[in-house]
Amino acid sequence: MQVALLSNASAIILAYNHPSGNFTPHLNT
């Protein structure tokens, strides 16, 4: 569970730090 949360956090951080605006996170569905 904790690993999954950390993975989601990393994915969100990478998504928001992505240089192109085409990469939008859809993890909060």
N, C-alpha and C. Protein backbone atom coordinates (compact mmCIF):
# COMPACT_ATOMS: atom_id res chain seq x y z
N MET A 1 0.84 -1.21 0.00
CA MET A 1 0.00 0.00 0.00
C MET A 1 0.87 1.26 0.00
N GLN A 2 1.85 1.26 0.90
CA GLN A 2 2.72 2.44 0.99
C GLN A 2 3.54 2.62 -0.29
N VAL A 3 3.97 1.51 -0.86
CA VAL A 3 4.75 1.57 -2.10
C VAL A 3 3.90 2.15 -3.22
N ALA A 4 2.64 1.74 -3.28
CA ALA A 4 1.74 2.24 -4.32
C ALA A 4 1.54 3.75 -4.17
N LEU A 5 1.39 4.20 -2.93
CA LEU A 5 1.22 5.63 -2.70
C LEU A 5 2.46 6.40 -3.12
N LEU A 6 3.63 5.87 -2.82
CA LEU A 6 4.87 6.52 -3.22
C LEU A 6 5.00 6.55 -4.73
N SER A 7 4.59 5.48 -5.39
CA SER A 7 4.66 5.41 -6.85
C SER A 7 3.73 6.44 -7.46
N ASN A 8 2.52 6.57 -6.91
CA ASN A 8 1.57 7.55 -7.41
C ASN A 8 2.10 8.96 -7.21
N ALA A 9 2.70 9.21 -6.06
CA ALA A 9 3.26 10.53 -5.77
C ALA A 9 4.36 10.85 -6.77
N SER A 10 5.22 9.89 -7.05
CA SER A 10 6.30 10.10 -8.01
C SER A 10 5.75 10.37 -9.40
N ALA A 11 4.72 9.63 -9.77
CA ALA A 11 4.11 9.80 -11.09
C ALA A 11 3.49 11.18 -11.21
N ILE A 12 2.83 11.63 -10.15
CA ILE A 12 2.20 12.95 -10.17
C ILE A 12 3.27 14.04 -10.26
N ILE A 13 4.33 13.88 -9.48
CA ILE A 13 5.43 14.86 -9.51
C ILE A 13 6.05 14.91 -10.90
N LEU A 14 6.29 13.75 -11.49
CA LEU A 14 6.87 13.70 -12.84
C LEU A 14 5.93 14.32 -13.85
N ALA A 15 4.64 14.07 -13.68
CA ALA A 15 3.65 14.60 -14.61
C ALA A 15 3.63 16.13 -14.56
N TYR A 16 3.65 16.68 -13.35
CA TYR A 16 3.58 18.14 -13.22
C TYR A 16 4.90 18.80 -13.58
N ASN A 17 5.99 18.05 -13.47
CA ASN A 17 7.30 18.61 -13.83
C ASN A 17 7.65 18.35 -15.29
N HIS A 18 6.77 17.68 -15.99
CA HIS A 18 7.02 17.36 -17.39
C HIS A 18 7.05 18.64 -18.22
N PRO A 19 8.06 18.81 -19.05
CA PRO A 19 8.24 20.04 -19.83
C PRO A 19 7.09 20.30 -20.80
N SER A 20 6.48 19.26 -21.32
CA SER A 20 5.38 19.45 -22.27
C SER A 20 4.05 19.38 -21.54
N GLY A 21 3.07 20.15 -21.99
CA GLY A 21 1.77 20.18 -21.33
C GLY A 21 0.88 19.04 -21.79
N ASN A 22 1.42 18.14 -22.62
CA ASN A 22 0.62 17.04 -23.13
C ASN A 22 0.49 15.91 -22.11
N PHE A 23 1.39 15.89 -21.15
CA PHE A 23 1.39 14.81 -20.17
C PHE A 23 0.57 15.23 -18.95
N THR A 24 -0.71 14.86 -18.97
CA THR A 24 -1.57 15.24 -17.85
C THR A 24 -1.89 14.03 -17.00
N PRO A 25 -1.73 14.14 -15.69
CA PRO A 25 -2.00 13.02 -14.78
C PRO A 25 -3.48 12.73 -14.63
N HIS A 26 -3.86 11.47 -14.80
CA HIS A 26 -5.25 11.07 -14.62
C HIS A 26 -5.33 10.05 -13.50
N LEU A 27 -4.57 10.30 -12.44
CA LEU A 27 -4.50 9.34 -11.34
C LEU A 27 -5.58 9.61 -10.30
N ASN A 28 -6.21 10.78 -10.37
CA ASN A 28 -7.19 11.15 -9.35
C ASN A 28 -8.61 10.85 -9.79
N THR A 29 -8.79 9.89 -10.67
CA THR A 29 -10.12 9.56 -11.15
C THR A 29 -10.87 8.78 -10.09
